[in-house]
Amino acid sequence: MVEQTRVREGDISETMENLLEYQLICHSENTYYVDPERATELKHRLESIDAVVRLFKNAPGDDYSEEGWEDRIESIL
C-alpha cells in the first residue's frame, strides 16, 4: 500500500494517527477503513483538493503558482 501513496514509509504511522485523530478513517481489529456513511463526503473533499492542486500546477508563473502555496492554505482536516 505504501507504494500507492506519496507518503514516505517512515511517515506512515504518523499519517495514520493523524487520519484517525481527525476521524477521516476508522480502525477496528487491525483494519483501517473509511466510514461508509462519510465515504461520499470525503471523496468529494479529496476531488476538490486534487482539482486545486492541478489548477495551481498548470497556472502560469505568477503569484498564484508560487512554490509553497500549499503551506498558506488551511488544512482540510
C-alpha atoms as a PDB file:
ATOM      1  CA  MET A   1       0.000   0.000   0.000  1.00  0.00           C
ATOM      2  CA  VAL A   2       2.846   2.410   0.763  1.00  0.00           C
ATOM      3  CA  GLU A   3       3.876   2.256  -2.898  1.00  0.00           C
ATOM      4  CA  GLN A   4       0.469   3.688  -3.893  1.00  0.00           C
ATOM      5  CA  THR A   5       0.943   6.882  -1.883  1.00  0.00           C
ATOM      6  CA  ARG A   6       3.461   9.691  -1.841  1.00  0.00           C
ATOM      7  CA  VAL A   7       3.949   9.220   1.900  1.00  0.00           C
ATOM      8  CA  ARG A   8       7.389   8.018   2.914  1.00  0.00           C
ATOM      9  CA  GLU A   9       7.333   4.648   4.624  1.00  0.00           C
ATOM     10  CA  GLY A  10       8.798   6.160   7.791  1.00  0.00           C
ATOM     11  CA  ASP A  11       5.888   8.629   7.976  1.00  0.00           C
ATOM     12  CA  ILE A  12       3.044   6.121   7.552  1.00  0.00           C
ATOM     13  CA  SER A  13       2.483   5.609  11.286  1.00  0.00           C
ATOM     14  CA  GLU A  14       2.165   9.351  11.962  1.00  0.00           C
ATOM     15  CA  THR A  15      -0.055   9.797   8.908  1.00  0.00           C
ATOM     16  CA  MET A  16      -2.411   7.049  10.061  1.00  0.00           C
ATOM     17  CA  GLU A  17      -2.549   8.572  13.562  1.00  0.00           C
ATOM     18  CA  ASN A  18      -3.465  11.952  12.060  1.00  0.00           C
ATOM     19  CA  LEU A  19      -6.193  10.433   9.892  1.00  0.00           C
ATOM     20  CA  LEU A  20      -7.608   8.662  12.942  1.00  0.00           C
ATOM     21  CA  GLU A  21      -7.379  11.799  15.099  1.00  0.00           C
ATOM     22  CA  TYR A  22      -9.343  13.818  12.553  1.00  0.00           C
ATOM     23  CA  GLN A  23     -11.814  10.950  12.140  1.00  0.00           C
ATOM     24  CA  LEU A  24     -11.099  10.606   8.426  1.00  0.00           C
ATOM     25  CA  ILE A  25     -10.573   6.866   8.825  1.00  0.00           C
ATOM     26  CA  CYS A  26     -11.641   4.253  11.369  1.00  0.00           C
ATOM     27  CA  HIS A  27      -9.717   1.386  12.954  1.00  0.00           C
ATOM     28  CA  SER A  28     -11.086  -1.940  14.110  1.00  0.00           C
ATOM     29  CA  GLU A  29      -9.371  -5.284  14.689  1.00  0.00           C
ATOM     30  CA  ASN A  30      -6.180  -4.461  12.758  1.00  0.00           C
ATOM     31  CA  THR A  31      -8.170  -2.983   9.857  1.00  0.00           C
ATOM     32  CA  TYR A  32      -8.294   0.631   8.731  1.00  0.00           C
ATOM     33  CA  TYR A  33     -11.314   1.782   6.751  1.00  0.00           C
ATOM     34  CA  VAL A  34     -13.406   4.776   5.720  1.00  0.00           C
ATOM     35  CA  ASP A  35     -16.791   5.010   7.416  1.00  0.00           C
ATOM     36  CA  PRO A  36     -19.263   4.151   4.628  1.00  0.00           C
ATOM     37  CA  GLU A  37     -21.579   6.944   5.807  1.00  0.00           C
ATOM     38  CA  ARG A  38     -18.793   9.510   5.205  1.00  0.00           C
ATOM     39  CA  ALA A  39     -17.271   7.992   2.072  1.00  0.00           C
ATOM     40  CA  THR A  40     -19.064  10.246  -0.409  1.00  0.00           C
ATOM     41  CA  GLU A  41     -18.283  13.399   1.575  1.00  0.00           C
ATOM     42  CA  LEU A  42     -14.600  12.504   1.862  1.00  0.00           C
ATOM     43  CA  LYS A  43     -14.426  11.570  -1.826  1.00  0.00           C
ATOM     44  CA  HIS A  44     -15.789  14.994  -2.813  1.00  0.00           C
ATOM     45  CA  ARG A  45     -13.344  16.774  -0.497  1.00  0.00           C
ATOM     46  CA  LEU A  46     -10.396  14.887  -1.964  1.00  0.00           C
ATOM     47  CA  GLU A  47     -11.558  15.552  -5.517  1.00  0.00           C
ATOM     48  CA  SER A  48     -11.791  19.269  -4.716  1.00  0.00           C
ATOM     49  CA  ILE A  49      -8.280  19.318  -3.299  1.00  0.00           C
ATOM     50  CA  ASP A  50      -6.969  17.438  -6.320  1.00  0.00           C
ATOM     51  CA  ALA A  51      -8.617  19.962  -8.647  1.00  0.00           C
ATOM     52  CA  VAL A  52      -6.956  22.863  -6.802  1.00  0.00           C
ATOM     53  CA  VAL A  53      -3.557  21.182  -6.957  1.00  0.00           C
ATOM     54  CA  ARG A  54      -3.933  20.592 -10.722  1.00  0.00           C
ATOM     55  CA  LEU A  55      -5.059  24.197 -11.239  1.00  0.00           C
ATOM     56  CA  PHE A  56      -2.009  25.619  -9.500  1.00  0.00           C
ATOM     57  CA  LYS A  57       0.392  23.199 -11.196  1.00  0.00           C
ATOM     58  CA  ASN A  58      -0.928  24.295 -14.595  1.00  0.00           C
ATOM     59  CA  ALA A  59      -1.044  28.022 -13.773  1.00  0.00           C
ATOM     60  CA  PRO A  60       1.409  30.394 -15.431  1.00  0.00           C
ATOM     61  CA  GLY A  61       4.379  31.565 -13.389  1.00  0.00           C
ATOM     62  CA  ASP A  62       2.635  34.248 -11.339  1.00  0.00           C
ATOM     63  CA  ASP A  63       1.697  34.852  -7.698  1.00  0.00           C
ATOM     64  CA  TYR A  64      -0.889  32.076  -7.793  1.00  0.00           C
ATOM     65  CA  SER A  65       1.617  29.414  -8.681  1.00  0.00           C
ATOM     66  CA  GLU A  66       4.387  30.308  -6.256  1.00  0.00           C
ATOM     67  CA  GLU A  67       6.356  27.446  -4.767  1.00  0.00           C
ATOM     68  CA  GLY A  68       4.946  26.528  -1.347  1.00  0.00           C
ATOM     69  CA  TRP A  69       1.438  27.909  -1.930  1.00  0.00           C
ATOM     70  CA  GLU A  70       0.003  24.814  -0.261  1.00  0.00           C
ATOM     71  CA  ASP A  71       1.522  25.855   3.058  1.00  0.00           C
ATOM     72  CA  ARG A  72      -0.509  29.082   3.078  1.00  0.00           C
ATOM     73  CA  ILE A  73      -3.958  27.499   2.859  1.00  0.00           C
ATOM     74  CA  GLU A  74      -5.956  25.942   5.660  1.00  0.00           C
ATOM     75  CA  SER A  75      -5.930  22.208   6.126  1.00  0.00           C
ATOM     76  CA  ILE A  76      -8.977  20.172   5.102  1.00  0.00           C
ATOM     77  CA  LEU A  77      -8.579  18.319   8.344  1.00  0.00           C
END
